[in-house]
Amino acid sequence: MSSDDDSFVYDPESGEWISAADAAKAAQVEVRDAVGNLLADGDQVTLIKDLVVKGAGQTLKRGTLIKSIRLTGDAQEIDCKFDGIKGLVLRAEFVRKR
C-alpha cells in the first residue's frame, strides 16, 4: 500500500484520507496582485494608487517601488518594509508585481 514514511491526514471536507504533503499544499494561500499575478515572498511590487499611511503622516505615491515583500497568510495582505515606516502592511489590490 504505502511505505512507513508516508503520513496521511483526514480531510473532513472531502471525507477522505489524503497525504500530509497534499494537505500542506492545500493550506497555502495564494496571494494575487491587482492584475492577477501570483505573488511570492521576496517579490518586488509597485503601487498602483496613492496611499495615505495611517499613523505615519506620510503618503506613498503611485509608482513607488516596494522591495522584498513577505506574505502574511491572508489572501489580501502583504507585509513589507519602506524607509521610515515600520510594520507596513499593504492590500494586494493596490500593488502590481514588477
C-alpha atoms as a PDB file:
ATOM      1  CA  MET A   1       0.000   0.000   0.000  1.00  0.00           C
ATOM      2  CA  SER A   2       2.397   2.753   1.136  1.00  0.00           C
ATOM      3  CA  SER A   3       5.729   2.986   2.879  1.00  0.00           C
ATOM      4  CA  ASP A   4       6.081   3.797   6.585  1.00  0.00           C
ATOM      5  CA  ASP A   5       7.425   7.316   5.954  1.00  0.00           C
ATOM      6  CA  ASP A   6       4.160   8.461   4.306  1.00  0.00           C
ATOM      7  CA  SER A   7       1.761  10.181   6.655  1.00  0.00           C
ATOM      8  CA  PHE A   8      -1.894  10.798   5.989  1.00  0.00           C
ATOM      9  CA  VAL A   9      -4.420  13.202   7.466  1.00  0.00           C
ATOM     10  CA  TYR A  10      -8.194  13.097   7.399  1.00  0.00           C
ATOM     11  CA  ASP A  11      -9.872  15.803   5.296  1.00  0.00           C
ATOM     12  CA  PRO A  12     -13.323  16.474   6.782  1.00  0.00           C
ATOM     13  CA  GLU A  13     -14.465  18.408   3.696  1.00  0.00           C
ATOM     14  CA  SER A  14     -13.981  15.504   1.297  1.00  0.00           C
ATOM     15  CA  GLY A  15     -14.302  12.708   3.865  1.00  0.00           C
ATOM     16  CA  GLU A  16     -11.099  11.094   2.612  1.00  0.00           C
ATOM     17  CA  TRP A  17      -7.594  10.438   3.887  1.00  0.00           C
ATOM     18  CA  ILE A  18      -5.006  12.482   1.977  1.00  0.00           C
ATOM     19  CA  SER A  19      -1.227  12.648   2.183  1.00  0.00           C
ATOM     20  CA  ALA A  20       0.266  15.247   4.506  1.00  0.00           C
ATOM     21  CA  ALA A  21       2.128  16.849   1.583  1.00  0.00           C
ATOM     22  CA  ASP A  22      -1.143  17.382  -0.298  1.00  0.00           C
ATOM     23  CA  ALA A  23      -2.743  18.822   2.837  1.00  0.00           C
ATOM     24  CA  ALA A  24       0.115  21.316   3.237  1.00  0.00           C
ATOM     25  CA  LYS A  25      -0.249  22.438  -0.387  1.00  0.00           C
ATOM     26  CA  ALA A  26      -3.988  22.952   0.100  1.00  0.00           C
ATOM     27  CA  ALA A  27      -3.384  25.037   3.246  1.00  0.00           C
ATOM     28  CA  GLN A  28      -1.171  27.560   1.427  1.00  0.00           C
ATOM     29  CA  VAL A  29      -2.944  30.780   0.496  1.00  0.00           C
ATOM     30  CA  GLU A  30      -2.492  32.217  -2.991  1.00  0.00           C
ATOM     31  CA  VAL A  31      -1.937  35.976  -2.973  1.00  0.00           C
ATOM     32  CA  ARG A  32      -2.575  37.805  -6.240  1.00  0.00           C
ATOM     33  CA  ASP A  33      -1.896  41.423  -7.161  1.00  0.00           C
ATOM     34  CA  ALA A  34      -4.330  43.883  -8.771  1.00  0.00           C
ATOM     35  CA  VAL A  35      -3.972  42.325 -12.227  1.00  0.00           C
ATOM     36  CA  GLY A  36      -3.986  38.679 -11.098  1.00  0.00           C
ATOM     37  CA  ASN A  37      -0.260  37.874 -10.958  1.00  0.00           C
ATOM     38  CA  LEU A  38       0.709  35.380  -8.264  1.00  0.00           C
ATOM     39  CA  LEU A  39       2.870  36.965  -5.533  1.00  0.00           C
ATOM     40  CA  ALA A  40       5.587  35.206  -3.529  1.00  0.00           C
ATOM     41  CA  ASP A  41       7.947  36.102  -0.685  1.00  0.00           C
ATOM     42  CA  GLY A  42      10.754  38.370  -1.876  1.00  0.00           C
ATOM     43  CA  ASP A  43       8.901  39.808  -4.895  1.00  0.00           C
ATOM     44  CA  GLN A  44       9.073  43.480  -5.814  1.00  0.00           C
ATOM     45  CA  VAL A  45       5.805  45.350  -6.278  1.00  0.00           C
ATOM     46  CA  THR A  46       4.780  48.800  -7.486  1.00  0.00           C
ATOM     47  CA  LEU A  47       1.907  50.815  -6.037  1.00  0.00           C
ATOM     48  CA  ILE A  48      -0.941  51.497  -8.474  1.00  0.00           C
ATOM     49  CA  LYS A  49      -2.602  54.163  -6.317  1.00  0.00           C
ATOM     50  CA  ASP A  50      -1.563  56.927  -3.889  1.00  0.00           C
ATOM     51  CA  LEU A  51      -1.928  55.529  -0.364  1.00  0.00           C
ATOM     52  CA  VAL A  52      -2.131  57.524   2.872  1.00  0.00           C
ATOM     53  CA  VAL A  53      -0.288  55.610   5.595  1.00  0.00           C
ATOM     54  CA  LYS A  54      -2.194  55.773   8.884  1.00  0.00           C
ATOM     55  CA  GLY A  55      -0.055  56.704  11.864  1.00  0.00           C
ATOM     56  CA  ALA A  56       2.951  57.692   9.772  1.00  0.00           C
ATOM     57  CA  GLY A  57       1.679  61.023   8.449  1.00  0.00           C
ATOM     58  CA  GLN A  58       3.027  60.088   5.047  1.00  0.00           C
ATOM     59  CA  THR A  59       1.587  59.352   1.603  1.00  0.00           C
ATOM     60  CA  LEU A  60       3.071  56.685  -0.643  1.00  0.00           C
ATOM     61  CA  LYS A  61       2.747  57.844  -4.243  1.00  0.00           C
ATOM     62  CA  ARG A  62       1.616  55.763  -7.209  1.00  0.00           C
ATOM     63  CA  GLY A  63       4.618  54.100  -8.857  1.00  0.00           C
ATOM     64  CA  THR A  64       6.558  53.675  -5.600  1.00  0.00           C
ATOM     65  CA  LEU A  65       8.663  50.503  -5.673  1.00  0.00           C
ATOM     66  CA  ILE A  66       8.374  48.210  -2.649  1.00  0.00           C
ATOM     67  CA  LYS A  67      11.159  45.621  -2.443  1.00  0.00           C
ATOM     68  CA  SER A  68      11.208  42.228  -0.767  1.00  0.00           C
ATOM     69  CA  ILE A  69       7.606  41.630   0.306  1.00  0.00           C
ATOM     70  CA  ARG A  70       6.529  38.880   2.710  1.00  0.00           C
ATOM     71  CA  LEU A  71       3.226  37.028   2.570  1.00  0.00           C
ATOM     72  CA  THR A  72       1.183  37.037   5.779  1.00  0.00           C
ATOM     73  CA  GLY A  73      -1.123  34.068   5.262  1.00  0.00           C
ATOM     74  CA  ASP A  74      -4.026  36.372   4.424  1.00  0.00           C
ATOM     75  CA  ALA A  75      -5.004  36.346   0.742  1.00  0.00           C
ATOM     76  CA  GLN A  76      -5.206  40.158   0.584  1.00  0.00           C
ATOM     77  CA  GLU A  77      -2.389  41.411   2.834  1.00  0.00           C
ATOM     78  CA  ILE A  78       1.353  41.623   2.269  1.00  0.00           C
ATOM     79  CA  ASP A  79       3.982  42.714   4.792  1.00  0.00           C
ATOM     80  CA  CYS A  80       6.756  44.978   3.544  1.00  0.00           C
ATOM     81  CA  LYS A  81       9.462  47.416   4.565  1.00  0.00           C
ATOM     82  CA  PHE A  82       9.720  51.020   3.440  1.00  0.00           C
ATOM     83  CA  ASP A  83      12.064  53.781   4.602  1.00  0.00           C
ATOM     84  CA  GLY A  84      10.702  55.473   7.717  1.00  0.00           C
ATOM     85  CA  ILE A  85       7.636  53.233   8.091  1.00  0.00           C
ATOM     86  CA  LYS A  86       7.760  50.280  10.468  1.00  0.00           C
ATOM     87  CA  GLY A  87       5.284  47.431  10.170  1.00  0.00           C
ATOM     88  CA  LEU A  88       3.839  48.424   6.806  1.00  0.00           C
ATOM     89  CA  VAL A  89       1.060  46.111   5.602  1.00  0.00           C
ATOM     90  CA  LEU A  90      -0.430  46.693   2.161  1.00  0.00           C
ATOM     91  CA  ARG A  91      -3.525  45.297   0.500  1.00  0.00           C
ATOM     92  CA  ALA A  92      -2.678  43.198  -2.560  1.00  0.00           C
ATOM     93  CA  GLU A  93      -5.350  45.007  -4.588  1.00  0.00           C
ATOM     94  CA  PHE A  94      -3.216  48.194  -4.571  1.00  0.00           C
ATOM     95  CA  VAL A  95       0.019  46.674  -5.908  1.00  0.00           C
ATOM     96  CA  ARG A  96       1.290  45.224  -9.182  1.00  0.00           C
ATOM     97  CA  LYS A  97       4.129  42.718  -9.436  1.00  0.00           C
ATOM     98  CA  ARG A  98       7.258  44.124 -11.036  1.00  0.00           C
END
